């Protein structure tokens, strides 16, 4: 459990982010505004013989109508 933040004016200095709670929607909005890069590697093997290898690299970001899509036909 976390300790409660002391009341204002009590004289004890607390980190301003110690008990700050952020809604999941706000967190996703902040992440997508700047973009998120996901990377991962998965290898399936039997008896030390690699059978399947999957590499994942993905960029996830929000869509803005002011920025043209690279997939549009001109």
N, C-alpha and C. Protein backbone atom coordinates (compact mmCIF):
# COMPACT_ATOMS: atom_id res chain seq x y z
N UNK A 1 0.83 -1.19 0.00
CA UNK A 1 0.00 0.00 0.00
C UNK A 1 0.86 1.24 0.00
N UNK A 2 0.36 2.28 -0.58
CA UNK A 2 1.10 3.53 -0.59
C UNK A 2 0.62 4.42 0.53
N UNK A 3 1.53 5.25 1.02
CA UNK A 3 1.19 6.17 2.10
C UNK A 3 0.42 7.35 1.55
N UNK A 4 -0.51 7.90 2.30
CA UNK A 4 -1.27 9.06 1.82
C UNK A 4 -0.39 10.29 1.73
N UNK A 5 -0.74 11.19 0.83
CA UNK A 5 -0.01 12.44 0.65
C UNK A 5 -0.39 13.38 1.78
N UNK A 6 0.60 14.01 2.43
CA UNK A 6 0.27 14.94 3.51
C UNK A 6 -0.54 16.12 2.99
N UNK A 7 -1.38 16.67 3.85
CA UNK A 7 -2.23 17.80 3.47
C UNK A 7 -1.37 19.03 3.21
N UNK A 8 -1.87 19.93 2.37
CA UNK A 8 -1.15 21.15 2.07
C UNK A 8 -0.96 21.97 3.33
N UNK A 9 0.22 22.50 3.51
CA UNK A 9 0.50 23.32 4.67
C UNK A 9 0.96 22.53 5.88
N UNK A 10 1.12 21.21 5.73
CA UNK A 10 1.54 20.41 6.87
C UNK A 10 3.04 20.44 7.06
N UNK A 11 3.76 21.02 6.10
CA UNK A 11 5.20 21.16 6.24
C UNK A 11 5.99 20.02 5.62
N UNK A 12 5.39 18.89 5.38
CA UNK A 12 6.10 17.76 4.78
C UNK A 12 6.07 17.90 3.27
N UNK A 13 7.23 17.80 2.64
CA UNK A 13 7.30 17.92 1.19
C UNK A 13 7.06 16.55 0.57
N UNK A 14 6.15 16.49 -0.38
CA UNK A 14 5.85 15.24 -1.08
C UNK A 14 6.05 15.47 -2.57
N UNK A 15 6.37 14.41 -3.26
CA UNK A 15 6.51 14.49 -4.71
C UNK A 15 5.15 14.82 -5.31
N UNK A 16 5.09 15.76 -6.26
CA UNK A 16 3.79 16.12 -6.83
C UNK A 16 3.15 14.99 -7.62
N UNK A 17 3.92 14.00 -8.05
CA UNK A 17 3.38 12.89 -8.82
C UNK A 17 3.19 11.63 -7.98
N UNK A 18 3.42 11.72 -6.68
CA UNK A 18 3.38 10.53 -5.83
C UNK A 18 2.02 9.85 -5.84
N UNK A 19 0.96 10.60 -5.75
CA UNK A 19 -0.38 10.02 -5.69
C UNK A 19 -1.25 10.47 -6.86
N UNK A 20 -0.65 10.92 -7.92
CA UNK A 20 -1.42 11.38 -9.07
C UNK A 20 -1.98 10.19 -9.83
N UNK A 21 -3.24 10.24 -10.15
CA UNK A 21 -3.88 9.16 -10.88
C UNK A 21 -4.29 9.69 -12.25
N UNK A 22 -4.05 8.89 -13.28
CA UNK A 22 -4.37 9.29 -14.65
C UNK A 22 -5.32 8.26 -15.23
N UNK A 23 -6.39 8.72 -15.84
CA UNK A 23 -7.34 7.82 -16.48
C UNK A 23 -6.69 7.16 -17.70
N UNK A 24 -7.12 5.97 -18.01
CA UNK A 24 -6.56 5.23 -19.14
C UNK A 24 -6.74 5.99 -20.45
N UNK A 25 -7.85 6.66 -20.61
CA UNK A 25 -8.11 7.43 -21.83
C UNK A 25 -7.09 8.56 -21.96
N UNK A 26 -6.79 9.25 -20.86
CA UNK A 26 -5.80 10.33 -20.89
C UNK A 26 -4.41 9.79 -21.21
N UNK A 27 -4.08 8.64 -20.65
CA UNK A 27 -2.77 8.03 -20.91
C UNK A 27 -2.64 7.66 -22.38
N UNK A 28 -3.67 7.04 -22.96
CA UNK A 28 -3.64 6.67 -24.38
C UNK A 28 -3.56 7.91 -25.26
N UNK A 29 -4.27 8.97 -24.89
CA UNK A 29 -4.22 10.21 -25.66
C UNK A 29 -2.81 10.79 -25.68
N UNK A 30 -2.16 10.79 -24.54
CA UNK A 30 -0.78 11.31 -24.47
C UNK A 30 0.20 10.45 -25.27
N UNK A 31 0.04 9.13 -25.17
CA UNK A 31 0.94 8.24 -25.90
C UNK A 31 0.75 8.35 -27.40
N UNK A 32 -0.49 8.39 -27.86
CA UNK A 32 -0.75 8.43 -29.29
C UNK A 32 -0.43 9.78 -29.90
N UNK A 33 -0.48 10.85 -29.11
CA UNK A 33 -0.14 12.18 -29.63
C UNK A 33 1.32 12.22 -30.06
N UNK A 34 2.19 11.56 -29.33
CA UNK A 34 3.61 11.54 -29.67
C UNK A 34 4.00 10.32 -30.49
N UNK A 35 3.24 9.27 -30.42
CA UNK A 35 3.55 8.04 -31.12
C UNK A 35 4.19 7.02 -30.19
N UNK A 36 3.94 5.77 -30.47
CA UNK A 36 4.47 4.67 -29.66
C UNK A 36 5.10 3.67 -30.62
N UNK A 37 6.28 3.19 -30.28
CA UNK A 37 6.94 2.16 -31.07
C UNK A 37 6.93 0.87 -30.27
N UNK A 38 6.39 -0.19 -30.86
CA UNK A 38 6.37 -1.50 -30.24
C UNK A 38 7.35 -2.41 -30.96
N UNK A 39 8.18 -3.11 -30.20
CA UNK A 39 9.09 -4.08 -30.79
C UNK A 39 9.02 -5.36 -29.99
N UNK A 40 9.24 -6.46 -30.66
CA UNK A 40 9.22 -7.74 -29.97
C UNK A 40 9.78 -8.84 -30.85
N UNK A 41 10.26 -9.87 -30.21
CA UNK A 41 10.79 -11.05 -30.91
C UNK A 41 10.18 -12.29 -30.27
N UNK A 42 9.80 -13.24 -31.12
CA UNK A 42 9.24 -14.50 -30.65
C UNK A 42 9.88 -15.63 -31.44
N UNK A 43 10.41 -16.60 -30.73
CA UNK A 43 11.02 -17.76 -31.39
C UNK A 43 10.44 -19.03 -30.79
N UNK A 44 9.88 -19.88 -31.66
CA UNK A 44 9.38 -21.18 -31.24
C UNK A 44 10.40 -22.24 -31.63
N UNK A 45 10.79 -23.03 -30.64
CA UNK A 45 11.80 -24.06 -30.93
C UNK A 45 11.47 -25.34 -30.18
N UNK A 46 11.94 -26.44 -30.75
CA UNK A 46 11.82 -27.75 -30.12
C UNK A 46 13.20 -28.39 -30.14
N UNK A 47 13.65 -28.84 -28.99
CA UNK A 47 14.96 -29.49 -28.83
C UNK A 47 16.07 -28.60 -29.38
N UNK A 48 16.04 -27.33 -29.03
CA UNK A 48 17.04 -26.35 -29.45
C UNK A 48 17.13 -26.16 -30.96
N UNK A 49 16.05 -26.49 -31.68
CA UNK A 49 15.99 -26.24 -33.11
C UNK A 49 14.91 -25.17 -33.34
N UNK A 50 15.32 -24.02 -33.84
CA UNK A 50 14.38 -22.93 -34.09
C UNK A 50 13.47 -23.29 -35.25
N UNK A 51 12.17 -23.30 -35.01
CA UNK A 51 11.20 -23.63 -36.04
C UNK A 51 10.55 -22.39 -36.63
N UNK A 52 10.15 -21.45 -35.78
CA UNK A 52 9.46 -20.25 -36.22
C UNK A 52 10.05 -19.06 -35.50
N UNK A 53 10.33 -18.00 -36.25
CA UNK A 53 10.82 -16.76 -35.65
C UNK A 53 9.97 -15.61 -36.18
N UNK A 54 9.45 -14.80 -35.26
CA UNK A 54 8.61 -13.67 -35.61
C UNK A 54 9.23 -12.42 -34.99
N UNK A 55 9.48 -11.41 -35.82
CA UNK A 55 9.96 -10.11 -35.36
C UNK A 55 8.85 -9.10 -35.58
N UNK A 56 8.59 -8.29 -34.56
CA UNK A 56 7.54 -7.29 -34.65
C UNK A 56 8.13 -5.91 -34.42
N UNK A 57 7.85 -5.01 -35.34
CA UNK A 57 8.20 -3.60 -35.18
C UNK A 57 7.01 -2.81 -35.70
N UNK A 58 6.36 -2.05 -34.82
CA UNK A 58 5.16 -1.31 -35.21
C UNK A 58 5.20 0.09 -34.63
N UNK A 59 4.75 1.05 -35.42
CA UNK A 59 4.61 2.43 -34.98
C UNK A 59 3.12 2.73 -34.90
N UNK A 60 2.68 3.17 -33.74
CA UNK A 60 1.27 3.50 -33.53
C UNK A 60 1.20 4.97 -33.15
N UNK A 61 0.42 5.73 -33.90
CA UNK A 61 0.26 7.15 -33.59
C UNK A 61 -1.14 7.59 -33.98
N UNK A 62 -1.51 8.77 -33.54
CA UNK A 62 -2.83 9.29 -33.85
C UNK A 62 -2.87 9.81 -35.29
N UNK A 63 -4.07 9.95 -35.82
CA UNK A 63 -4.27 10.42 -37.19
C UNK A 63 -4.63 11.90 -37.13
N UNK A 64 -4.01 12.67 -38.02
CA UNK A 64 -4.28 14.10 -38.08
C UNK A 64 -4.66 14.43 -39.52
N UNK A 65 -5.77 15.11 -39.71
CA UNK A 65 -6.22 15.41 -41.07
C UNK A 65 -5.34 16.44 -41.77
N UNK A 66 -4.52 17.19 -41.05
CA UNK A 66 -3.64 18.18 -41.66
C UNK A 66 -2.38 17.55 -42.26
N UNK A 67 -2.07 16.31 -41.87
CA UNK A 67 -0.91 15.61 -42.40
C UNK A 67 -1.40 14.63 -43.46
N UNK A 68 -0.90 14.76 -44.69
CA UNK A 68 -1.39 13.85 -45.75
C UNK A 68 -0.93 12.41 -45.52
N UNK A 69 -1.76 11.49 -45.96
CA UNK A 69 -1.45 10.08 -45.84
C UNK A 69 -0.42 9.70 -46.91
N UNK A 70 0.57 8.87 -46.55
CA UNK A 70 1.53 8.43 -47.56
C UNK A 70 0.93 7.42 -48.53
N UNK A 71 -0.28 6.91 -48.24
CA UNK A 71 -0.90 5.89 -49.06
C UNK A 71 -1.91 6.45 -50.06
N UNK A 72 -2.11 7.77 -50.08
CA UNK A 72 -3.06 8.37 -51.01
C UNK A 72 -2.49 8.40 -52.42
N UNK A 73 -3.37 8.19 -53.40
CA UNK A 73 -2.98 8.27 -54.81
C UNK A 73 -3.14 9.73 -55.23
N UNK A 74 -2.11 10.30 -55.79
CA UNK A 74 -2.15 11.71 -56.19
C UNK A 74 -2.59 11.88 -57.60
